[in-house]
Amino acid sequence: MPHVLLIEDDASVRDGMELVLRRHGYDVDTAATGEEALALLDAPDGARIELAVLDLMLPGMDGFEVCRRVRARTATLPVIMLTARGDDHDIVTGLEAGADDYVVKPVTAPVLEARIRAALRRAEPTGAPGPVGAAGARPPGGEDFAGLVIDRAGLTVTKHGAVIPLPPTELRLLLELSASPGRVFSREQLLASVWDHTFLGDSRLVDAAVGRLRAKLEDVPARPRYVQTVRGFGYRFGPL
């Protein structure tokens, strides 16, 4: 039974969402503030939390800062930002803070539950994009792309020997792109393959995830070597 942390300051909204999630089979912890949420994540049993649904407008620490602090603690916890603020600046800021998804209220229970299921699927270690290579075999220790080593079996990424922790969505994006070096993927293709094939998402999810990925992988993110933009089409991995 997936365990969700629901961070929402409005008690009536929080109670209603908790009820809906429990009816769909989720275990739910709730927090009314960002500080309370971070304390739950830091608690000895905080590792049981598998996903966070995060309101943006919280008293005290806002959702952007909560998301940044969650990311500083863990790269692997999926975070869905859920808020009434839907302008471009807020969406981009939320995604750049490390949110895996951004959902604008009002949202129906089936849609929110679908987004949660999609985020949890992306976080699963199995089902990652498949192996590459002429014979489809996984090289021992991973594939080396000019110092960037991607281990598809172990789901790890290292650069010049240093581990680069990546949240599930960024890892899946990297696996998808690097599975076909030089191939150009449109944003719509990446939304379908990385986020969810049934997910009608915003292409800014892709742009934000690419930006975060470049910040972690590239020596000079403004002049990317690994994840490159093909203007007017989308993104590709390399040429290196």
C-alpha atoms as a PDB file:
ATOM      1  CA  MET A   1       0.000   0.000   0.000  1.00  0.00           C
ATOM      2  CA  PRO A   2       1.746   3.230  -1.124  1.00  0.00           C
ATOM      3  CA  HIS A   3       2.447   5.766   1.589  1.00  0.00           C
ATOM      4  CA  VAL A   4       1.726   9.400   0.713  1.00  0.00           C
ATOM      5  CA  LEU A   5       2.633  12.557   2.616  1.00  0.00           C
ATOM      6  CA  LEU A   6      -0.049  15.205   2.055  1.00  0.00           C
ATOM      7  CA  ILE A   7       1.108  18.750   2.832  1.00  0.00           C
ATOM      8  CA  GLU A   8      -1.833  21.156   2.862  1.00  0.00           C
ATOM      9  CA  ASP A   9      -2.651  23.965   5.284  1.00  0.00           C
ATOM     10  CA  ASP A  10      -6.404  24.143   4.593  1.00  0.00           C
ATOM     11  CA  ALA A  11      -7.911  21.616   7.007  1.00  0.00           C
ATOM     12  CA  SER A  12     -11.064  21.009   4.979  1.00  0.00           C
ATOM     13  CA  VAL A  13      -9.102  20.434   1.766  1.00  0.00           C
ATOM     14  CA  ARG A  14      -6.558  18.289   3.582  1.00  0.00           C
ATOM     15  CA  ASP A  15      -9.222  16.129   5.229  1.00  0.00           C
ATOM     16  CA  GLY A  16     -11.092  15.682   1.950  1.00  0.00           C
ATOM     17  CA  MET A  17      -7.955  14.688   0.028  1.00  0.00           C
ATOM     18  CA  GLU A  18      -6.868  12.341   2.783  1.00  0.00           C
ATOM     19  CA  LEU A  19     -10.257  10.621   2.664  1.00  0.00           C
ATOM     20  CA  VAL A  20     -10.081  10.255  -1.123  1.00  0.00           C
ATOM     21  CA  LEU A  21      -6.558   8.854  -1.030  1.00  0.00           C
ATOM     22  CA  ARG A  22      -7.395   6.374   1.724  1.00  0.00           C
ATOM     23  CA  ARG A  23     -10.404   5.203  -0.297  1.00  0.00           C
ATOM     24  CA  HIS A  24      -8.013   4.533  -3.181  1.00  0.00           C
ATOM     25  CA  GLY A  25      -5.854   2.378  -0.951  1.00  0.00           C
ATOM     26  CA  TYR A  26      -3.107   4.760   0.138  1.00  0.00           C
ATOM     27  CA  ASP A  27      -1.633   5.156   3.569  1.00  0.00           C
ATOM     28  CA  VAL A  28      -1.555   8.874   4.291  1.00  0.00           C
ATOM     29  CA  ASP A  29       0.423  11.115   6.609  1.00  0.00           C
ATOM     30  CA  THR A  30      -0.655  14.758   6.716  1.00  0.00           C
ATOM     31  CA  ALA A  31       1.124  17.994   7.535  1.00  0.00           C
ATOM     32  CA  ALA A  32      -0.290  21.514   7.783  1.00  0.00           C
ATOM     33  CA  THR A  33       3.064  23.275   7.323  1.00  0.00           C
ATOM     34  CA  GLY A  34       6.328  22.722   5.533  1.00  0.00           C
ATOM     35  CA  GLU A  35       8.184  22.498   8.798  1.00  0.00           C
ATOM     36  CA  GLU A  36       5.871  19.731   9.988  1.00  0.00           C
ATOM     37  CA  ALA A  37       6.324  17.871   6.710  1.00  0.00           C
ATOM     38  CA  LEU A  38      10.116  18.023   6.891  1.00  0.00           C
ATOM     39  CA  ALA A  39       9.992  16.760  10.479  1.00  0.00           C
ATOM     40  CA  LEU A  40       7.930  13.769   9.325  1.00  0.00           C
ATOM     41  CA  LEU A  41      10.449  13.018   6.572  1.00  0.00           C
ATOM     42  CA  ASP A  42      13.326  13.269   9.040  1.00  0.00           C
ATOM     43  CA  ALA A  43      11.628  11.014  11.588  1.00  0.00           C
ATOM     44  CA  PRO A  44      12.986   7.472  12.050  1.00  0.00           C
ATOM     45  CA  ASP A  45      10.081   6.049  10.062  1.00  0.00           C
ATOM     46  CA  GLY A  46      10.152   8.808   7.435  1.00  0.00           C
ATOM     47  CA  ALA A  47      11.594   6.428   4.847  1.00  0.00           C
ATOM     48  CA  ARG A  48       8.211   4.742   4.564  1.00  0.00           C
ATOM     49  CA  ILE A  49       6.879   7.823   2.737  1.00  0.00           C
ATOM     50  CA  GLU A  50       6.910   7.087  -0.988  1.00  0.00           C
ATOM     51  CA  LEU A  51       5.497  10.310  -2.440  1.00  0.00           C
ATOM     52  CA  ALA A  52       4.662  13.848  -1.332  1.00  0.00           C
ATOM     53  CA  VAL A  53       1.720  15.961  -2.498  1.00  0.00           C
ATOM     54  CA  LEU A  54       2.743  19.509  -1.715  1.00  0.00           C
ATOM     55  CA  ASP A  55       0.612  22.650  -1.575  1.00  0.00           C
ATOM     56  CA  LEU A  56       2.417  25.795  -2.624  1.00  0.00           C
ATOM     57  CA  MET A  57       0.820  28.424  -0.404  1.00  0.00           C
ATOM     58  CA  LEU A  58       1.714  27.321   3.099  1.00  0.00           C
ATOM     59  CA  PRO A  59       2.104  29.426   6.241  1.00  0.00           C
ATOM     60  CA  GLY A  60       5.741  30.111   7.029  1.00  0.00           C
ATOM     61  CA  MET A  61       7.945  28.199   4.604  1.00  0.00           C
ATOM     62  CA  ASP A  62       6.275  28.124   1.187  1.00  0.00           C
ATOM     63  CA  GLY A  63       6.010  25.074  -1.057  1.00  0.00           C
ATOM     64  CA  PHE A  64       8.960  26.100  -3.240  1.00  0.00           C
ATOM     65  CA  GLU A  65      11.306  26.128  -0.256  1.00  0.00           C
ATOM     66  CA  VAL A  66       9.837  22.911   1.124  1.00  0.00           C
ATOM     67  CA  CYS A  67      10.481  21.238  -2.232  1.00  0.00           C
ATOM     68  CA  ARG A  68      14.072  22.495  -2.322  1.00  0.00           C
ATOM     69  CA  ARG A  69      14.670  21.165   1.193  1.00  0.00           C
ATOM     70  CA  VAL A  70      13.098  17.818   0.334  1.00  0.00           C
ATOM     71  CA  ARG A  71      15.421  17.580  -2.659  1.00  0.00           C
ATOM     72  CA  ALA A  72      18.393  18.423  -0.444  1.00  0.00           C
ATOM     73  CA  ARG A  73      17.426  15.446   1.727  1.00  0.00           C
ATOM     74  CA  THR A  74      16.541  12.935  -0.958  1.00  0.00           C
ATOM     75  CA  ALA A  75      16.720  12.719  -4.719  1.00  0.00           C
ATOM     76  CA  THR A  76      14.336   9.824  -4.946  1.00  0.00           C
ATOM     77  CA  LEU A  77      11.080  10.962  -3.337  1.00  0.00           C
ATOM     78  CA  PRO A  78       8.515  11.965  -6.002  1.00  0.00           C
ATOM     79  CA  VAL A  79       6.978  15.361  -5.290  1.00  0.00           C
ATOM     80  CA  ILE A  80       3.715  16.545  -6.857  1.00  0.00           C
ATOM     81  CA  MET A  81       3.101  20.247  -6.402  1.00  0.00           C
ATOM     82  CA  LEU A  82      -0.638  20.912  -6.059  1.00  0.00           C
ATOM     83  CA  THR A  83      -1.725  24.537  -6.002  1.00  0.00           C
ATOM     84  CA  ALA A  84      -4.220  27.108  -7.171  1.00  0.00           C
ATOM     85  CA  ARG A  85      -1.355  29.202  -8.562  1.00  0.00           C
ATOM     86  CA  GLY A  86      -1.123  28.274 -12.216  1.00  0.00           C
ATOM     87  CA  ASP A  87       0.779  31.101 -13.889  1.00  0.00           C
ATOM     88  CA  ASP A  88       3.865  30.303 -15.919  1.00  0.00           C
ATOM     89  CA  HIS A  89       6.300  31.781 -13.403  1.00  0.00           C
ATOM     90  CA  ASP A  90       4.996  29.632 -10.545  1.00  0.00           C
ATOM     91  CA  ILE A  91       4.942  26.479 -12.659  1.00  0.00           C
ATOM     92  CA  VAL A  92       8.504  26.975 -13.863  1.00  0.00           C
ATOM     93  CA  THR A  93       9.707  27.887 -10.365  1.00  0.00           C
ATOM     94  CA  GLY A  94       8.044  24.812  -8.902  1.00  0.00           C
ATOM     95  CA  LEU A  95       9.551  22.483 -11.460  1.00  0.00           C
ATOM     96  CA  GLU A  96      12.981  24.068 -11.103  1.00  0.00           C
ATOM     97  CA  ALA A  97      12.714  23.576  -7.338  1.00  0.00           C
ATOM     98  CA  GLY A  98      12.604  19.846  -8.031  1.00  0.00           C
ATOM     99  CA  ALA A  99       8.917  18.944  -8.290  1.00  0.00           C
ATOM    100  CA  ASP A 100       8.238  15.953 -10.505  1.00  0.00           C
ATOM    101  CA  ASP A 101       4.810  17.198 -11.479  1.00  0.00           C
ATOM    102  CA  TYR A 102       2.718  20.332 -11.094  1.00  0.00           C
ATOM    103  CA  VAL A 103      -1.057  20.120 -10.811  1.00  0.00           C
ATOM    104  CA  VAL A 104      -3.259  23.204 -10.776  1.00  0.00           C
ATOM    105  CA  LYS A 105      -6.368  23.240  -8.580  1.00  0.00           C
ATOM    106  CA  PRO A 106      -9.199  22.567  -8.881  1.00  0.00           C
ATOM    107  CA  VAL A 107      -8.441  18.981  -9.759  1.00  0.00           C
ATOM    108  CA  THR A 108     -10.767  16.010  -9.607  1.00  0.00           C
ATOM    109  CA  ALA A 109      -9.958  13.045  -7.403  1.00  0.00           C
ATOM    110  CA  PRO A 110      -9.514  10.635 -10.369  1.00  0.00           C
ATOM    111  CA  VAL A 111      -7.046  12.997 -12.063  1.00  0.00           C
ATOM    112  CA  LEU A 112      -5.009  13.523  -8.887  1.00  0.00           C
ATOM    113  CA  GLU A 113      -4.968   9.808  -8.189  1.00  0.00           C
ATOM    114  CA  ALA A 114      -3.851   9.149 -11.777  1.00  0.00           C
ATOM    115  CA  ARG A 115      -1.009  11.636 -11.401  1.00  0.00           C
ATOM    116  CA  ILE A 116       0.037   9.973  -8.128  1.00  0.00           C
ATOM    117  CA  ARG A 117       0.004   6.529  -9.732  1.00  0.00           C
ATOM    118  CA  ALA A 118       2.060   7.829 -12.649  1.00  0.00           C
ATOM    119  CA  ALA A 119       4.627   9.395 -10.319  1.00  0.00           C
ATOM    120  CA  LEU A 120       4.893   6.192  -8.298  1.00  0.00           C
ATOM    121  CA  ARG A 121       5.387   4.166 -11.481  1.00  0.00           C
ATOM    122  CA  ARG A 122       8.210   6.471 -12.526  1.00  0.00           C
ATOM    123  CA  ALA A 123       9.822   5.913  -9.138  1.00  0.00           C
ATOM    124  CA  GLU A 124       9.797   2.148  -9.489  1.00  0.00           C
ATOM    125  CA  PRO A 125      13.227   0.685 -10.201  1.00  0.00           C
ATOM    126  CA  THR A 126      11.791  -1.818 -12.656  1.00  0.00           C
ATOM    127  CA  GLY A 127      10.354  -0.771 -15.976  1.00  0.00           C
ATOM    128  CA  ALA A 128      13.168   1.642 -16.749  1.00  0.00           C
ATOM    129  CA  PRO A 129      13.953   2.093 -20.435  1.00  0.00           C
ATOM    130  CA  GLY A 130      15.622  -0.961 -21.816  1.00  0.00           C
ATOM    131  CA  PRO A 131      19.227  -1.835 -22.475  1.00  0.00           C
ATOM    132  CA  VAL A 132      21.165  -0.619 -25.447  1.00  0.00           C
ATOM    133  CA  GLY A 133      24.030  -1.959 -27.461  1.00  0.00           C
ATOM    134  CA  ALA A 134      24.327  -4.016 -30.581  1.00  0.00           C
ATOM    135  CA  ALA A 135      23.354  -7.213 -28.853  1.00  0.00           C
ATOM    136  CA  GLY A 136      21.052  -5.566 -26.329  1.00  0.00           C
ATOM    137  CA  ALA A 137      23.369  -6.617 -23.501  1.00  0.00           C
ATOM    138  CA  ARG A 138      24.112  -4.457 -20.491  1.00  0.00           C
ATOM    139  CA  PRO A 139      27.832  -3.799 -20.237  1.00  0.00           C
ATOM    140  CA  PRO A 140      29.216  -4.761 -16.827  1.00  0.00           C
ATOM    141  CA  GLY A 141      29.389  -1.675 -14.663  1.00  0.00           C
ATOM    142  CA  GLY A 142      27.399   0.412 -17.097  1.00  0.00           C
ATOM    143  CA  GLU A 143      27.899   2.327 -20.308  1.00  0.00           C
ATOM    144  CA  ASP A 144      30.590   4.976 -20.421  1.00  0.00           C
ATOM    145  CA  PHE A 145      29.710   8.130 -22.321  1.00  0.00           C
ATOM    146  CA  ALA A 146      32.831  10.271 -22.169  1.00  0.00           C
ATOM    147  CA  GLY A 147      33.178   9.924 -18.426  1.00  0.00           C
ATOM    148  CA  LEU A 148      29.468   9.716 -17.681  1.00  0.00           C
ATOM    149  CA  VAL A 149      28.733   6.121 -16.677  1.00  0.00           C
ATOM    150  CA  ILE A 150      25.110   4.981 -16.759  1.00  0.00           C
ATOM    151  CA  ASP A 151      24.415   1.645 -15.101  1.00  0.00           C
ATOM    152  CA  ARG A 152      20.993   0.532 -16.306  1.00  0.00           C
ATOM    153  CA  ALA A 153      20.971  -2.573 -14.129  1.00  0.00           C
ATOM    154  CA  GLY A 154      21.952  -0.792 -10.942  1.00  0.00           C
ATOM    155  CA  LEU A 155      20.124   2.431 -11.903  1.00  0.00           C
ATOM    156  CA  THR A 156      23.095   4.532 -10.945  1.00  0.00           C
ATOM    157  CA  VAL A 157      24.876   7.392 -12.675  1.00  0.00           C
ATOM    158  CA  THR A 158      28.458   8.417 -12.026  1.00  0.00           C
ATOM    159  CA  LYS A 159      30.667  11.044 -13.579  1.00  0.00           C
ATOM    160  CA  HIS A 160      34.408  10.579 -13.349  1.00  0.00           C
ATOM    161  CA  GLY A 161      33.753   8.170 -10.484  1.00  0.00           C
ATOM    162  CA  ALA A 162      31.472  10.454  -8.455  1.00  0.00           C
ATOM    163  CA  VAL A 163      27.907   9.291  -7.909  1.00  0.00           C
ATOM    164  CA  ILE A 164      25.249  11.670  -9.223  1.00  0.00           C
ATOM    165  CA  PRO A 165      21.995  11.108  -7.326  1.00  0.00           C
ATOM    166  CA  LEU A 166      19.003  11.684  -9.585  1.00  0.00           C
ATOM    167  CA  PRO A 167      15.290  11.756  -8.741  1.00  0.00           C
ATOM    168  CA  PRO A 168      13.260   9.062 -10.524  1.00  0.00           C
ATOM    169  CA  THR A 169      11.925  11.333 -13.254  1.00  0.00           C
ATOM    170  CA  GLU A 170      15.357  12.731 -14.148  1.00  0.00           C
ATOM    171  CA  LEU A 171      16.878   9.251 -14.094  1.00  0.00           C
ATOM    172  CA  ARG A 172      14.184   7.928 -16.413  1.00  0.00           C
ATOM    173  CA  LEU A 173      14.652  10.899 -18.721  1.00  0.00           C
ATOM    174  CA  LEU A 174      18.394  10.252 -18.896  1.00  0.00           C
ATOM    175  CA  LEU A 175      17.860   6.523 -19.488  1.00  0.00           C
ATOM    176  CA  GLU A 176      15.381   7.246 -22.257  1.00  0.00           C
ATOM    177  CA  LEU A 177      17.606   9.741 -24.065  1.00  0.00           C
ATOM    178  CA  SER A 178      20.846   7.790 -23.634  1.00  0.00           C
ATOM    179  CA  ALA A 179      19.261   4.544 -24.838  1.00  0.00           C
ATOM    180  CA  SER A 180      19.432   6.006 -28.372  1.00  0.00           C
ATOM    181  CA  PRO A 181      22.372   8.404 -28.579  1.00  0.00           C
ATOM    182  CA  GLY A 182      21.935  10.963 -31.331  1.00  0.00           C
ATOM    183  CA  ARG A 183      18.220  10.302 -31.756  1.00  0.00           C
ATOM    184  CA  VAL A 184      16.025  13.378 -31.446  1.00  0.00           C
ATOM    185  CA  PHE A 185      13.024  13.068 -29.135  1.00  0.00           C
ATOM    186  CA  SER A 186      10.170  15.542 -29.235  1.00  0.00           C
ATOM    187  CA  ARG A 187       8.820  16.866 -25.956  1.00  0.00           C
ATOM    188  CA  GLU A 188       5.592  14.982 -26.596  1.00  0.00           C
ATOM    189  CA  GLN A 189       7.498  11.729 -27.075  1.00  0.00           C
ATOM    190  CA  LEU A 190       9.374  12.271 -23.821  1.00  0.00           C
ATOM    191  CA  LEU A 191       6.179  13.140 -21.962  1.00  0.00           C
ATOM    192  CA  ALA A 192       4.650   9.901 -23.192  1.00  0.00           C
ATOM    193  CA  SER A 193       7.624   7.645 -22.511  1.00  0.00           C
ATOM    194  CA  VAL A 194       9.042   9.157 -19.336  1.00  0.00           C
ATOM    195  CA  TRP A 195       6.073  10.651 -17.536  1.00  0.00           C
ATOM    196  CA  ASP A 196       3.307   8.309 -18.612  1.00  0.00           C
ATOM    197  CA  HIS A 197       1.893   7.238 -21.952  1.00  0.00           C
ATOM    198  CA  THR A 198      -1.614   8.241 -20.874  1.00  0.00           C
ATOM    199  CA  PHE A 199      -0.522  11.484 -19.267  1.00  0.00           C
ATOM    200  CA  LEU A 200      -1.576  14.702 -20.975  1.00  0.00           C
ATOM    201  CA  GLY A 201       1.155  16.787 -19.493  1.00  0.00           C
ATOM    202  CA  ASP A 202       2.719  20.164 -19.961  1.00  0.00           C
ATOM    203  CA  SER A 203       5.851  20.256 -22.113  1.00  0.00           C
ATOM    204  CA  ARG A 204       7.392  22.549 -19.504  1.00  0.00           C
ATOM    205  CA  LEU A 205       7.764  19.431 -17.358  1.00  0.00           C
ATOM    206  CA  VAL A 206      10.291  18.209 -19.929  1.00  0.00           C
ATOM    207  CA  ASP A 207      12.123  21.518 -20.228  1.00  0.00           C
ATOM    208  CA  ALA A 208      12.414  21.864 -16.446  1.00  0.00           C
ATOM    209  CA  ALA A 209      13.619  18.291 -15.987  1.00  0.00           C
ATOM    210  CA  VAL A 210      16.220  18.778 -18.738  1.00  0.00           C
ATOM    211  CA  GLY A 211      17.402  21.943 -17.005  1.00  0.00           C
ATOM    212  CA  ARG A 212      17.811  20.149 -13.684  1.00  0.00           C
ATOM    213  CA  LEU A 213      19.545  17.230 -15.392  1.00  0.00           C
ATOM    214  CA  ARG A 214      22.012  19.510 -17.149  1.00  0.00           C
ATOM    215  CA  ALA A 215      22.810  21.286 -13.889  1.00  0.00           C
ATOM    216  CA  LYS A 216      23.883  17.935 -12.444  1.00  0.00           C
ATOM    217  CA  LEU A 217      25.587  16.345 -15.455  1.00  0.00           C
ATOM    218  CA  GLU A 218      27.169  19.047 -17.521  1.00  0.00           C
ATOM    219  CA  ASP A 219      30.435  20.855 -16.878  1.00  0.00           C
ATOM    220  CA  VAL A 220      28.862  23.960 -18.428  1.00  0.00           C
ATOM    221  CA  PRO A 221      25.063  23.628 -18.461  1.00  0.00           C
ATOM    222  CA  ALA A 222      24.738  26.494 -20.954  1.00  0.00           C
ATOM    223  CA  ARG A 223      26.873  24.489 -23.404  1.00  0.00           C
ATOM    224  CA  PRO A 224      25.598  20.933 -22.803  1.00  0.00           C
ATOM    225  CA  ARG A 225      27.599  17.983 -24.002  1.00  0.00           C
ATOM    226  CA  TYR A 226      25.242  15.190 -22.966  1.00  0.00           C
ATOM    227  CA  VAL A 227      21.660  16.473 -23.183  1.00  0.00           C
ATOM    228  CA  GLN A 228      21.444  18.721 -26.205  1.00  0.00           C
ATOM    229  CA  THR A 229      18.624  20.856 -27.575  1.00  0.00           C
ATOM    230  CA  VAL A 230      17.588  20.444 -31.178  1.00  0.00           C
ATOM    231  CA  ARG A 231      15.855  23.727 -31.791  1.00  0.00           C
ATOM    232  CA  GLY A 232      12.315  23.357 -33.052  1.00  0.00           C
ATOM    233  CA  PHE A 233      12.265  19.595 -32.406  1.00  0.00           C
ATOM    234  CA  GLY A 234      13.272  18.567 -28.900  1.00  0.00           C
ATOM    235  CA  TYR A 235      16.250  16.919 -27.224  1.00  0.00           C
ATOM    236  CA  ARG A 236      18.884  14.284 -27.899  1.00  0.00           C
ATOM    237  CA  PHE A 237      21.728  12.593 -26.024  1.00  0.00           C
ATOM    238  CA  GLY A 238      25.023  13.634 -27.605  1.00  0.00           C
ATOM    239  CA  PRO A 239      26.808  13.526 -29.972  1.00  0.00           C
ATOM    240  CA  LEU A 240      29.575  13.563 -27.394  1.00  0.00           C
END
